Amino acid sequence: MLSAAFIFESGDLDDEFWRLDGLIEQAAADNAGFIGKDVWVSEDGRRRNSTYYWKDKQALGEFARHPLHLEAKAQYERWYMGFHVVISEVTKTYGDGGIQHVTPDARARSRARKRAKQ
């Protein structure tokens, strides 16, 4: 699994930005290798982080080459003061089960097996 964190400082997020953003989100969701997305916004609303999770490099590559994504990238200076992208390989995900997340909880299976044995 891969994650692609897109971190940016927003400028003027106009109607065209939000239109393309919605279409790009749908394009991601339509990709068979898309697992899910997290979005974080700073307290002042200027810095945003959209982290997309992908099954593999092929799925991420297909998204990166999607025409709507390329259209938005060509216009980024209209909307962003700056951006940074971090592509990471996800090697483990887990939690205590108290928070639902798009990535699988590796420990959930272990907890389920322990409960089943009791």
PDB file of N, CA and C in Angstrom:
ATOM      1  N   MET A   1       0.851  -1.172   0.000  1.00  0.00           N
ATOM      2  CA  MET A   1       0.000   0.000   0.000  1.00  0.00           C
ATOM      3  C   MET A   1       0.894   1.232   0.000  1.00  0.00           C
ATOM      4  N   LEU A   2       0.448   2.274  -0.692  1.00  0.00           N
ATOM      5  CA  LEU A   2       1.150   3.549  -0.732  1.00  0.00           C
ATOM      6  C   LEU A   2       0.237   4.648  -0.218  1.00  0.00           C
ATOM      7  N   SER A   3       0.852   5.676   0.331  1.00  0.00           N
ATOM      8  CA  SER A   3       0.104   6.884   0.637  1.00  0.00           C
ATOM      9  C   SER A   3       0.741   8.034  -0.124  1.00  0.00           C
ATOM     10  N   ALA A   4      -0.083   8.953  -0.548  1.00  0.00           N
ATOM     11  CA  ALA A   4       0.388  10.153  -1.234  1.00  0.00           C
ATOM     12  C   ALA A   4      -0.214  11.344  -0.507  1.00  0.00           C
ATOM     13  N   ALA A   5       0.632  12.028   0.259  1.00  0.00           N
ATOM     14  CA  ALA A   5       0.180  13.196   1.020  1.00  0.00           C
ATOM     15  C   ALA A   5       0.419  14.443   0.180  1.00  0.00           C
ATOM     16  N   PHE A   6      -0.637  15.176  -0.070  1.00  0.00           N
ATOM     17  CA  PHE A   6      -0.562  16.433  -0.811  1.00  0.00           C
ATOM     18  C   PHE A   6      -0.830  17.548   0.185  1.00  0.00           C
ATOM     19  N   ILE A   7       0.216  18.277   0.531  1.00  0.00           N
ATOM     20  CA  ILE A   7       0.155  19.328   1.548  1.00  0.00           C
ATOM     21  C   ILE A   7       0.280  20.664   0.815  1.00  0.00           C
ATOM     22  N   PHE A   8      -0.635  21.577   1.116  1.00  0.00           N
ATOM     23  CA  PHE A   8      -0.538  22.864   0.436  1.00  0.00           C
ATOM     24  C   PHE A   8      -1.038  24.005   1.294  1.00  0.00           C
ATOM     25  N   GLU A   9      -0.484  25.182   0.997  1.00  0.00           N
ATOM     26  CA  GLU A   9      -0.949  26.434   1.588  1.00  0.00           C
ATOM     27  C   GLU A   9      -1.919  27.039   0.584  1.00  0.00           C
ATOM     28  N   SER A  10      -3.134  27.271   1.029  1.00  0.00           N
ATOM     29  CA  SER A  10      -4.147  27.742   0.091  1.00  0.00           C
ATOM     30  C   SER A  10      -4.046  29.246  -0.134  1.00  0.00           C
ATOM     31  N   GLY A  11      -4.413  29.606  -1.339  1.00  0.00           N
ATOM     32  CA  GLY A  11      -4.578  30.998  -1.725  1.00  0.00           C
ATOM     33  C   GLY A  11      -6.066  31.222  -1.929  1.00  0.00           C
ATOM     34  N   ASP A  12      -6.425  31.645  -3.133  1.00  0.00           N
ATOM     35  CA  ASP A  12      -7.831  31.891  -3.471  1.00  0.00           C
ATOM     36  C   ASP A  12      -8.444  30.607  -4.034  1.00  0.00           C
ATOM     37  N   LEU A  13      -9.181  29.892  -3.202  1.00  0.00           N
ATOM     38  CA  LEU A  13      -9.837  28.654  -3.639  1.00  0.00           C
ATOM     39  C   LEU A  13     -11.201  29.030  -4.213  1.00  0.00           C
ATOM     40  N   ASP A  14     -11.214  29.311  -5.506  1.00  0.00           N
ATOM     41  CA  ASP A  14     -12.411  29.783  -6.185  1.00  0.00           C
ATOM     42  C   ASP A  14     -13.328  28.626  -6.596  1.00  0.00           C
ATOM     43  N   ASP A  15     -14.415  28.950  -7.271  1.00  0.00           N
ATOM     44  CA  ASP A  15     -15.388  27.936  -7.696  1.00  0.00           C
ATOM     45  C   ASP A  15     -14.761  26.882  -8.614  1.00  0.00           C
ATOM     46  N   GLU A  16     -13.851  27.290  -9.473  1.00  0.00           N
ATOM     47  CA  GLU A  16     -13.194  26.344 -10.374  1.00  0.00           C
ATOM     48  C   GLU A  16     -12.346  25.339  -9.584  1.00  0.00           C
ATOM     49  N   PHE A  17     -11.674  25.815  -8.537  1.00  0.00           N
ATOM     50  CA  PHE A  17     -10.917  24.899  -7.685  1.00  0.00           C
ATOM     51  C   PHE A  17     -11.838  23.828  -7.105  1.00  0.00           C
ATOM     52  N   TRP A  18     -12.944  24.249  -6.507  1.00  0.00           N
ATOM     53  CA  TRP A  18     -13.844  23.298  -5.852  1.00  0.00           C
ATOM     54  C   TRP A  18     -14.503  22.361  -6.865  1.00  0.00           C
ATOM     55  N   ARG A  19     -14.774  22.857  -8.080  1.00  0.00           N
ATOM     56  CA  ARG A  19     -15.329  21.990  -9.123  1.00  0.00           C
ATOM     57  C   ARG A  19     -14.333  20.895  -9.481  1.00  0.00           C
ATOM     58  N   LEU A  20     -13.093  21.301  -9.775  1.00  0.00           N
ATOM     59  CA  LEU A  20     -12.066  20.323 -10.123  1.00  0.00           C
ATOM     60  C   LEU A  20     -11.750  19.395  -8.950  1.00  0.00           C
ATOM     61  N   ASP A  21     -11.729  19.938  -7.754  1.00  0.00           N
ATOM     62  CA  ASP A  21     -11.449  19.125  -6.566  1.00  0.00           C
ATOM     63  C   ASP A  21     -12.463  17.988  -6.438  1.00  0.00           C
ATOM     64  N   GLY A  22     -13.733  18.301  -6.635  1.00  0.00           N
ATOM     65  CA  GLY A  22     -14.772  17.271  -6.575  1.00  0.00           C
ATOM     66  C   GLY A  22     -14.628  16.228  -7.672  1.00  0.00           C
ATOM     67  N   LEU A  23     -14.311  16.681  -8.876  1.00  0.00           N
ATOM     68  CA  LEU A  23     -14.125  15.754  -9.999  1.00  0.00           C
ATOM     69  C   LEU A  23     -12.896  14.866  -9.800  1.00  0.00           C
ATOM     70  N   ILE A  24     -11.845  15.437  -9.248  1.00  0.00           N
ATOM     71  CA  ILE A  24     -10.634  14.666  -8.988  1.00  0.00           C
ATOM     72  C   ILE A  24     -10.884  13.644  -7.882  1.00  0.00           C
ATOM     73  N   GLU A  25     -11.604  14.037  -6.868  1.00  0.00           N
ATOM     74  CA  GLU A  25     -11.942  13.088  -5.804  1.00  0.00           C
ATOM     75  C   GLU A  25     -12.749  11.916  -6.370  1.00  0.00           C
ATOM     76  N   GLN A  26     -13.670  12.199  -7.277  1.00  0.00           N
ATOM     77  CA  GLN A  26     -14.449  11.134  -7.905  1.00  0.00           C
ATOM     78  C   GLN A  26     -13.565  10.259  -8.787  1.00  0.00           C
ATOM     79  N   ALA A  27     -12.621  10.870  -9.500  1.00  0.00           N
ATOM     80  CA  ALA A  27     -11.690  10.095 -10.325  1.00  0.00           C
ATOM     81  C   ALA A  27     -10.860   9.155  -9.454  1.00  0.00           C
ATOM     82  N   ALA A  28     -10.446   9.632  -8.290  1.00  0.00           N
ATOM     83  CA  ALA A  28      -9.704   8.760  -7.369  1.00  0.00           C
ATOM     84  C   ALA A  28     -10.593   7.603  -6.924  1.00  0.00           C
ATOM     85  N   ALA A  29     -11.809   7.909  -6.512  1.00  0.00           N
ATOM     86  CA  ALA A  29     -12.735   6.874  -6.027  1.00  0.00           C
ATOM     87  C   ALA A  29     -13.052   5.846  -7.107  1.00  0.00           C
ATOM     88  N   ASP A  30     -13.043   6.260  -8.363  1.00  0.00           N
ATOM     89  CA  ASP A  30     -13.332   5.346  -9.471  1.00  0.00           C
ATOM     90  C   ASP A  30     -12.149   4.438  -9.814  1.00  0.00           C
ATOM     91  N   ASN A  31     -10.984   4.740  -9.293  1.00  0.00           N
ATOM     92  CA  ASN A  31      -9.781   3.937  -9.538  1.00  0.00           C
ATOM     93  C   ASN A  31      -9.862   2.683  -8.666  1.00  0.00           C
ATOM     94  N   ALA A  32      -9.745   1.509  -9.284  1.00  0.00           N
ATOM     95  CA  ALA A  32      -9.882   0.241  -8.559  1.00  0.00           C
ATOM     96  C   ALA A  32      -8.849   0.090  -7.446  1.00  0.00           C
ATOM     97  N   GLY A  33      -7.720   0.788  -7.532  1.00  0.00           N
ATOM     98  CA  GLY A  33      -6.683   0.685  -6.512  1.00  0.00           C
ATOM     99  C   GLY A  33      -6.763   1.723  -5.416  1.00  0.00           C
ATOM    100  N   PHE A  34      -7.812   2.551  -5.438  1.00  0.00           N
ATOM    101  CA  PHE A  34      -7.990   3.582  -4.411  1.00  0.00           C
ATOM    102  C   PHE A  34      -8.535   2.947  -3.141  1.00  0.00           C
ATOM    103  N   ILE A  35      -7.890   3.224  -2.018  1.00  0.00           N
ATOM    104  CA  ILE A  35      -8.326   2.671  -0.734  1.00  0.00           C
ATOM    105  C   ILE A  35      -9.132   3.691   0.053  1.00  0.00           C
ATOM    106  N   GLY A  36      -8.694   4.947   0.049  1.00  0.00           N
ATOM    107  CA  GLY A  36      -9.406   5.979   0.792  1.00  0.00           C
ATOM    108  C   GLY A  36      -8.575   7.238   0.908  1.00  0.00           C
ATOM    109  N   LYS A  37      -9.094   8.183   1.688  1.00  0.00           N
ATOM    110  CA  LYS A  37      -8.477   9.508   1.766  1.00  0.00           C
ATOM    111  C   LYS A  37      -8.681  10.083   3.165  1.00  0.00           C
ATOM    112  N   ASP A  38      -7.662  10.769   3.657  1.00  0.00           N
ATOM    113  CA  ASP A  38      -7.740  11.574   4.881  1.00  0.00           C
ATOM    114  C   ASP A  38      -7.542  13.025   4.498  1.00  0.00           C
ATOM    115  N   VAL A  39      -8.245  13.924   5.163  1.00  0.00           N
ATOM    116  CA  VAL A  39      -8.052  15.354   4.923  1.00  0.00           C
ATOM    117  C   VAL A  39      -7.877  16.044   6.274  1.00  0.00           C
ATOM    118  N   TRP A  40      -6.826  16.854   6.345  1.00  0.00           N
ATOM    119  CA  TRP A  40      -6.571  17.646   7.533  1.00  0.00           C
ATOM    120  C   TRP A  40      -6.450  19.104   7.127  1.00  0.00           C
ATOM    121  N   VAL A  41      -6.993  19.996   7.958  1.00  0.00           N
ATOM    122  CA  VAL A  41      -6.907  21.429   7.708  1.00  0.00           C
ATOM    123  C   VAL A  41      -6.379  22.084   8.977  1.00  0.00           C
ATOM    124  N   SER A  42      -5.399  22.972   8.823  1.00  0.00           N
ATOM    125  CA  SER A  42      -4.847  23.671   9.987  1.00  0.00           C
ATOM    126  C   SER A  42      -5.925  24.529  10.639  1.00  0.00           C
ATOM    127  N   GLU A  43      -5.659  24.918  11.861  1.00  0.00           N
ATOM    128  CA  GLU A  43      -6.632  25.701  12.631  1.00  0.00           C
ATOM    129  C   GLU A  43      -7.031  26.988  11.909  1.00  0.00           C
ATOM    130  N   ASP A  44      -6.072  27.627  11.236  1.00  0.00           N
ATOM    131  CA  ASP A  44      -6.390  28.872  10.531  1.00  0.00           C
ATOM    132  C   ASP A  44      -6.956  28.629   9.128  1.00  0.00           C
ATOM    133  N   GLY A  45      -7.008  27.348   8.704  1.00  0.00           N
ATOM    134  CA  GLY A  45      -7.606  27.002   7.420  1.00  0.00           C
ATOM    135  C   GLY A  45      -6.711  27.192   6.208  1.00  0.00           C
ATOM    136  N   ARG A  46      -5.489  27.628   6.404  1.00  0.00           N
ATOM    137  CA  ARG A  46      -4.620  27.915   5.250  1.00  0.00           C
ATOM    138  C   ARG A  46      -3.838  26.692   4.775  1.00  0.00           C
ATOM    139  N   ARG A  47      -3.381  25.851   5.694  1.00  0.00           N
ATOM    140  CA  ARG A  47      -2.606  24.665   5.305  1.00  0.00           C
ATOM    141  C   ARG A  47      -3.530  23.456   5.324  1.00  0.00           C
ATOM    142  N   ARG A  48      -3.465  22.701   4.231  1.00  0.00           N
ATOM    143  CA  ARG A  48      -4.308  21.517   4.072  1.00  0.00           C
ATOM    144  C   ARG A  48      -3.434  20.322   3.705  1.00  0.00           C
ATOM    145  N   ASN A  49      -3.885  19.154   4.111  1.00  0.00           N
ATOM    146  CA  ASN A  49      -3.195  17.919   3.771  1.00  0.00           C
ATOM    147  C   ASN A  49      -4.249  16.920   3.336  1.00  0.00           C
ATOM    148  N   SER A  50      -4.193  16.518   2.095  1.00  0.00           N
ATOM    149  CA  SER A  50      -5.059  15.458   1.572  1.00  0.00           C
ATOM    150  C   SER A  50      -4.167  14.254   1.330  1.00  0.00           C
ATOM    151  N   THR A  51      -4.362  13.208   2.118  1.00  0.00           N
ATOM    152  CA  THR A  51      -3.570  11.989   1.978  1.00  0.00           C
ATOM    153  C   THR A  51      -4.433  10.916   1.349  1.00  0.00           C
ATOM    154  N   TYR A  52      -4.009  10.449   0.193  1.00  0.00           N
ATOM    155  CA  TYR A  52      -4.707   9.399  -0.542  1.00  0.00           C
ATOM    156  C   TYR A  52      -3.964   8.090  -0.317  1.00  0.00           C
ATOM    157  N   TYR A  53      -4.707   6.994  -0.143  1.00  0.00           N
ATOM    158  CA  TYR A  53      -4.128   5.667   0.045  1.00  0.00           C
ATOM    159  C   TYR A  53      -4.424   4.821  -1.190  1.00  0.00           C
ATOM    160  N   TRP A  54      -3.369   4.128  -1.681  1.00  0.00           N
ATOM    161  CA  TRP A  54      -3.442   3.373  -2.928  1.00  0.00           C
ATOM    162  C   TRP A  54      -2.961   1.954  -2.718  1.00  0.00           C
ATOM    163  N   LYS A  55      -3.575   1.013  -3.426  1.00  0.00           N
ATOM    164  CA  LYS A  55      -3.217  -0.395  -3.339  1.00  0.00           C
ATOM    165  C   LYS A  55      -1.773  -0.626  -3.792  1.00  0.00           C
ATOM    166  N   ASP A  56      -1.356   0.082  -4.852  1.00  0.00           N
ATOM    167  CA  ASP A  56      -0.018  -0.151  -5.413  1.00  0.00           C
ATOM    168  C   ASP A  56       0.417   1.038  -6.268  1.00  0.00           C
ATOM    169  N   LYS A  57       1.645   0.944  -6.792  1.00  0.00           N
ATOM    170  CA  LYS A  57       2.204   2.022  -7.618  1.00  0.00           C
ATOM    171  C   LYS A  57       1.410   2.232  -8.902  1.00  0.00           C
ATOM    172  N   GLN A  58       0.897   1.147  -9.461  1.00  0.00           N
ATOM    173  CA  GLN A  58       0.132   1.265 -10.699  1.00  0.00           C
ATOM    174  C   GLN A  58      -1.101   2.138 -10.492  1.00  0.00           C
ATOM    175  N   ALA A  59      -1.829   1.897  -9.411  1.00  0.00           N
ATOM    176  CA  ALA A  59      -3.039   2.688  -9.130  1.00  0.00           C
ATOM    177  C   ALA A  59      -2.688   4.156  -8.909  1.00  0.00           C
ATOM    178  N   LEU A  60      -1.634   4.407  -8.148  1.00  0.00           N
ATOM    179  CA  LEU A  60      -1.201   5.784  -7.916  1.00  0.00           C
ATOM    180  C   LEU A  60      -0.779   6.433  -9.231  1.00  0.00           C
ATOM    181  N   GLY A  61      -0.062   5.701 -10.061  1.00  0.00           N
ATOM    182  CA  GLY A  61       0.369   6.228 -11.359  1.00  0.00           C
ATOM    183  C   GLY A  61      -0.802   6.571 -12.269  1.00  0.00           C
ATOM    184  N   GLU A  62      -1.811   5.711 -12.276  1.00  0.00           N
ATOM    185  CA  GLU A  62      -3.006   5.986 -13.084  1.00  0.00           C
ATOM    186  C   GLU A  62      -3.671   7.279 -12.626  1.00  0.00           C
ATOM    187  N   PHE A  63      -3.763   7.461 -11.320  1.00  0.00           N
ATOM    188  CA  PHE A  63      -4.356   8.687 -10.791  1.00  0.00           C
ATOM    189  C   PHE A  63      -3.507   9.900 -11.162  1.00  0.00           C
ATOM    190  N   ALA A  64      -2.192   9.773 -11.029  1.00  0.00           N
ATOM    191  CA  ALA A  64      -1.284  10.894 -11.327  1.00  0.00           C
ATOM    192  C   ALA A  64      -1.408  11.340 -12.780  1.00  0.00           C
ATOM    193  N   ARG A  65      -1.734  10.394 -13.666  1.00  0.00           N
ATOM    194  CA  ARG A  65      -1.850  10.704 -15.095  1.00  0.00           C
ATOM    195  C   ARG A  65      -3.285  11.005 -15.532  1.00  0.00           C
ATOM    196  N   HIS A  66      -4.228  10.996 -14.620  1.00  0.00           N
ATOM    197  CA  HIS A  66      -5.623  11.253 -14.989  1.00  0.00           C
ATOM    198  C   HIS A  66      -5.747  12.676 -15.561  1.00  0.00           C
ATOM    199  N   PRO A  67      -6.484  12.847 -16.652  1.00  0.00           N
ATOM    200  CA  PRO A  67      -6.581  14.174 -17.292  1.00  0.00           C
ATOM    201  C   PRO A  67      -7.063  15.289 -16.360  1.00  0.00           C
ATOM    202  N   LEU A  68      -8.009  15.019 -15.481  1.00  0.00           N
ATOM    203  CA  LEU A  68      -8.476  16.065 -14.560  1.00  0.00           C
ATOM    204  C   LEU A  68      -7.392  16.439 -13.555  1.00  0.00           C
ATOM    205  N   HIS A  69      -6.650  15.446 -13.105  1.00  0.00           N
ATOM    206  CA  HIS A  69      -5.542  15.720 -12.186  1.00  0.00           C
ATOM    207  C   HIS A  69      -4.477  16.562 -12.880  1.00  0.00           C
ATOM    208  N   LEU A  70      -4.170  16.230 -14.127  1.00  0.00           N
ATOM    209  CA  LEU A  70      -3.191  17.006 -14.894  1.00  0.00           C
ATOM    210  C   LEU A  70      -3.688  18.429 -15.145  1.00  0.00           C
ATOM    211  N   GLU A  71      -4.983  18.567 -15.390  1.00  0.00           N
ATOM    212  CA  GLU A  71      -5.573  19.901 -15.599  1.00  0.00           C
ATOM    213  C   GLU A  71      -5.397  20.762 -14.355  1.00  0.00           C
ATOM    214  N   ALA A  72      -5.680  20.189 -13.197  1.00  0.00           N
ATOM    215  CA  ALA A  72      -5.544  20.930 -11.939  1.00  0.00           C
ATOM    216  C   ALA A  72      -4.077  21.284 -11.679  1.00  0.00           C
ATOM    217  N   LYS A  73      -3.177  20.328 -11.904  1.00  0.00           N
ATOM    218  CA  LYS A  73      -1.759  20.583 -11.674  1.00  0.00           C
ATOM    219  C   LYS A  73      -1.247  21.734 -12.533  1.00  0.00           C
ATOM    220  N   ALA A  74      -1.752  21.845 -13.738  1.00  0.00           N
ATOM    221  CA  ALA A  74      -1.310  22.907 -14.648  1.00  0.00           C
ATOM    222  C   ALA A  74      -1.721  24.295 -14.153  1.00  0.00           C
ATOM    223  N   GLN A  75      -2.708  24.348 -13.254  1.00  0.00           N
ATOM    224  CA  GLN A  75      -3.231  25.625 -12.776  1.00  0.00           C
ATOM    225  C   GLN A  75      -2.945  25.880 -11.298  1.00  0.00           C
ATOM    226  N   TYR A  76      -2.097  25.063 -10.684  1.00  0.00           N
ATOM    227  CA  TYR A  76      -1.942  25.118  -9.233  1.00  0.00           C
ATOM    228  C   TYR A  76      -1.592  26.512  -8.702  1.00  0.00           C
ATOM    229  N   GLU A  77      -0.842  27.295  -9.463  1.00  0.00           N
ATOM    230  CA  GLU A  77      -0.428  28.614  -8.980  1.00  0.00           C
ATOM    231  C   GLU A  77      -1.610  29.563  -8.768  1.00  0.00           C
ATOM    232  N   ARG A  78      -2.749  29.262  -9.393  1.00  0.00           N
ATOM    233  CA  ARG A  78      -3.971  30.062  -9.176  1.00  0.00           C
ATOM    234  C   ARG A  78      -4.470  29.910  -7.745  1.00  0.00           C
ATOM    235  N   TRP A  79      -4.258  28.734  -7.163  1.00  0.00           N
ATOM    236  CA  TRP A  79      -4.912  28.395  -5.897  1.00  0.00           C
ATOM    237  C   TRP A  79      -3.986  28.182  -4.717  1.00  0.00           C
ATOM    238  N   TYR A  80      -2.710  27.911  -4.965  1.00  0.00           N
ATOM    239  CA  TYR A  80      -1.807  27.553  -3.874  1.00  0.00           C
ATOM    240  C   TYR A  80      -0.689  28.577  -3.720  1.00  0.00           C
ATOM    241  N   MET A  81      -0.340  28.835  -2.476  1.00  0.00           N
ATOM    242  CA  MET A  81       0.828  29.653  -2.173  1.00  0.00           C
ATOM    243  C   MET A  81       2.084  28.777  -2.249  1.00  0.00           C
ATOM    244  N   GLY A  82       1.896  27.484  -2.109  1.00  0.00           N
ATOM    245  CA  GLY A  82       2.976  26.511  -2.197  1.00  0.00           C
ATOM    246  C   GLY A  82       2.433  25.132  -1.887  1.00  0.00           C
ATOM    247  N   PHE A  83       3.192  24.095  -2.283  1.00  0.00           N
ATOM    248  CA  PHE A  83       2.751  22.731  -2.004  1.00  0.00           C
ATOM    249  C   PHE A  83       3.941  21.822  -1.781  1.00  0.00           C
ATOM    250  N   HIS A  84       3.668  20.672  -1.193  1.00  0.00           N
ATOM    251  CA  HIS A  84       4.673  19.640  -0.957  1.00  0.00           C
ATOM    252  C   HIS A  84       3.967  18.293  -1.030  1.00  0.00           C
ATOM    253  N   VAL A  85       4.582  17.318  -1.706  1.00  0.00           N
ATOM    254  CA  VAL A  85       4.001  15.983  -1.854  1.00  0.00           C
ATOM    255  C   VAL A  85       4.940  14.967  -1.202  1.00  0.00           C
ATOM    256  N   VAL A  86       4.366  14.043  -0.440  1.00  0.00           N
ATOM    257  CA  VAL A  86       5.131  12.973   0.186  1.00  0.00           C
ATOM    258  C   VAL A  86       4.494  11.646  -0.218  1.00  0.00           C
ATOM    259  N   ILE A  87       5.247  10.826  -0.948  1.00  0.00           N
ATOM    260  CA  ILE A  87       4.787   9.492  -1.333  1.00  0.00           C
ATOM    261  C   ILE A  87       5.489   8.508  -0.395  1.00  0.00           C
ATOM    262  N   SER A  88       4.704   7.660   0.262  1.00  0.00           N
ATOM    263  CA  SER A  88       5.261   6.732   1.241  1.00  0.00           C
ATOM    264  C   SER A  88       4.714   5.334   1.041  1.00  0.00           C
ATOM    265  N   GLU A  89       5.536   4.349   1.371  1.00  0.00           N
ATOM    266  CA  GLU A  89       5.062   2.972   1.413  1.00  0.00           C
ATOM    267  C   GLU A  89       4.539   2.717   2.816  1.00  0.00           C
ATOM    268  N   VAL A  90       3.327   2.225   2.896  1.00  0.00           N
ATOM    269  CA  VAL A  90       2.717   1.921   4.192  1.00  0.00           C
ATOM    270  C   VAL A  90       3.080   0.481   4.526  1.00  0.00           C
ATOM    271  N   THR A  91       3.799   0.302   5.617  1.00  0.00           N
ATOM    272  CA  THR A  91       4.244  -1.039   5.990  1.00  0.00           C
ATOM    273  C   THR A  91       3.428  -1.648   7.113  1.00  0.00           C
ATOM    274  N   LYS A  92       2.717  -0.816   7.873  1.00  0.00           N
ATOM    275  CA  LYS A  92       1.908  -1.339   8.969  1.00  0.00           C
ATOM    276  C   LYS A  92       0.856  -0.309   9.342  1.00  0.00           C
ATOM    277  N   THR A  93      -0.320  -0.779   9.658  1.00  0.00           N
ATOM    278  CA  THR A  93      -1.371   0.095  10.191  1.00  0.00           C
ATOM    279  C   THR A  93      -2.050  -0.645  11.336  1.00  0.00           C
ATOM    280  N   TYR A  94      -2.318   0.068  12.412  1.00  0.00           N
ATOM    281  CA  TYR A  94      -3.001  -0.551  13.550  1.00  0.00           C
ATOM    282  C   TYR A  94      -3.536   0.523  14.475  1.00  0.00           C
ATOM    283  N   GLY A  95      -4.365   0.122  15.391  1.00  0.00           N
ATOM    284  CA  GLY A  95      -4.922   1.014  16.391  1.00  0.00           C
ATOM    285  C   GLY A  95      -5.608   0.199  17.463  1.00  0.00           C
ATOM    286  N   ASP A  96      -6.369   0.858  18.310  1.00  0.00           N
ATOM    287  CA  ASP A  96      -7.070   0.140  19.368  1.00  0.00           C
ATOM    288  C   ASP A  96      -8.508  -0.189  18.994  1.00  0.00           C
ATOM    289  N   GLY A  97      -8.883   0.148  17.752  1.00  0.00           N
ATOM    290  CA  GLY A  97     -10.241  -0.120  17.291  1.00  0.00           C
ATOM    291  C   GLY A  97     -11.219   0.998  17.582  1.00  0.00           C
ATOM    292  N   GLY A  98     -10.776   2.024  18.291  1.00  0.00           N
ATOM    293  CA  GLY A  98     -11.658   3.123  18.662  1.00  0.00           C
ATOM    294  C   GLY A  98     -11.861   4.169  17.580  1.00  0.00           C
ATOM    295  N   ILE A  99     -11.038   4.123  16.557  1.00  0.00           N
ATOM    296  CA  ILE A  99     -11.146   5.075  15.442  1.00  0.00           C
ATOM    297  C   ILE A  99     -11.255   4.278  14.152  1.00  0.00           C
ATOM    298  N   GLN A 100     -12.274   4.542  13.384  1.00  0.00           N
ATOM    299  CA  GLN A 100     -12.400   3.925  12.068  1.00  0.00           C
ATOM    300  C   GLN A 100     -11.459   4.641  11.110  1.00  0.00           C
ATOM    301  N   HIS A 101     -10.798   3.875  10.257  1.00  0.00           N
ATOM    302  CA  HIS A 101      -9.884   4.465   9.295  1.00  0.00           C
ATOM    303  C   HIS A 101      -9.940   3.666   8.007  1.00  0.00           C
ATOM    304  N   VAL A 102      -9.539   4.292   6.909  1.00  0.00           N
ATOM    305  CA  VAL A 102      -9.605   3.646   5.597  1.00  0.00           C
ATOM    306  C   VAL A 102      -8.582   2.532   5.447  1.00  0.00           C
ATOM    307  N   THR A 103      -7.498   2.580   6.217  1.00  0.00           N
ATOM    308  CA  THR A 103      -6.483   1.530   6.127  1.00  0.00           C
ATOM    309  C   THR A 103      -6.865   0.378   7.057  1.00  0.00           C
ATOM    310  N   PRO A 104      -6.481  -0.849   6.709  1.00  0.00           N
ATOM    311  CA  PRO A 104      -6.842  -1.996   7.542  1.00  0.00           C
ATOM    312  C   PRO A 104      -6.096  -1.971   8.869  1.00  0.00           C
ATOM    313  N   ASP A 105      -6.754  -2.428   9.916  1.00  0.00           N
ATOM    314  CA  ASP A 105      -6.160  -2.509  11.244  1.00  0.00           C
ATOM    315  C   ASP A 105      -5.541  -3.895  11.399  1.00  0.00           C
ATOM    316  N   ALA A 106      -4.217  -3.990  11.308  1.00  0.00           N
ATOM    317  CA  ALA A 106      -3.531  -5.281  11.363  1.00  0.00           C
ATOM    318  C   ALA A 106      -3.770  -5.996  12.686  1.00  0.00           C
ATOM    319  N   ARG A 107      -4.021  -5.261  13.737  1.00  0.00           N
ATOM    320  CA  ARG A 107      -4.229  -5.882  15.040  1.00  0.00           C
ATOM    321  C   ARG A 107      -5.663  -6.367  15.244  1.00  0.00           C
ATOM    322  N   ALA A 108      -6.586  -5.925  14.410  1.00  0.00           N
ATOM    323  CA  ALA A 108      -7.991  -6.317  14.580  1.00  0.00           C
ATOM    324  C   ALA A 108      -8.156  -7.821  14.433  1.00  0.00           C
ATOM    325  N   ARG A 109      -7.474  -8.412  13.476  1.00  0.00           N
ATOM    326  CA  ARG A 109      -7.564  -9.866  13.288  1.00  0.00           C
ATOM    327  C   ARG A 109      -7.068 -10.600  14.519  1.00  0.00           C
ATOM    328  N   SER A 110      -5.976 -10.105  15.088  1.00  0.00           N
ATOM    329  CA  SER A 110      -5.410 -10.725  16.287  1.00  0.00           C
ATOM    330  C   SER A 110      -6.385 -10.612  17.457  1.00  0.00           C
ATOM    331  N   ARG A 111      -6.993  -9.441  17.621  1.00  0.00           N
ATOM    332  CA  ARG A 111      -7.973  -9.256  18.708  1.00  0.00           C
ATOM    333  C   ARG A 111      -9.173 -10.168  18.495  1.00  0.00           C
ATOM    334  N   ALA A 112      -9.608 -10.303  17.239  1.00  0.00           N
ATOM    335  CA  ALA A 112     -10.763 -11.168  16.937  1.00  0.00           C
ATOM    336  C   ALA A 112     -10.447 -12.625  17.254  1.00  0.00           C
ATOM    337  N   ARG A 113      -9.238 -13.064  16.913  1.00  0.00           N
ATOM    338  CA  ARG A 113      -8.844 -14.444  17.219  1.00  0.00           C
ATOM    339  C   ARG A 113      -8.813 -14.675  18.723  1.00  0.00           C
ATOM    340  N   LYS A 114      -8.296 -13.723  19.473  1.00  0.00           N
ATOM    341  CA  LYS A 114      -8.239 -13.863  20.932  1.00  0.00           C
ATOM    342  C   LYS A 114      -9.646 -13.957  21.522  1.00  0.00           C
ATOM    343  N   ARG A 115     -10.560 -13.114  21.023  1.00  0.00           N
ATOM    344  CA  ARG A 115     -11.951 -13.164  21.525  1.00  0.00           C
ATOM    345  C   ARG A 115     -12.601 -14.491  21.185  1.00  0.00           C
ATOM    346  N   ALA A 116     -12.321 -15.011  19.992  1.00  0.00           N
ATOM    347  CA  ALA A 116     -12.927 -16.271  19.554  1.00  0.00           C
ATOM    348  C   ALA A 116     -12.455 -17.430  20.421  1.00  0.00           C
ATOM    349  N   LYS A 117     -11.231 -17.380  20.905  1.00  0.00           N
ATOM    350  CA  LYS A 117     -10.685 -18.449  21.747  1.00  0.00           C
ATOM    351  C   LYS A 117     -11.253 -18.408  23.162  1.00  0.00           C
ATOM    352  N   GLN A 118     -11.758 -17.267  23.586  1.00  0.00           N
ATOM    353  CA  GLN A 118     -12.271 -17.132  24.958  1.00  0.00           C
ATOM    354  C   GLN A 118     -13.603 -17.763  25.151  1.00  0.00           C
TER     355      GLN A 118
END
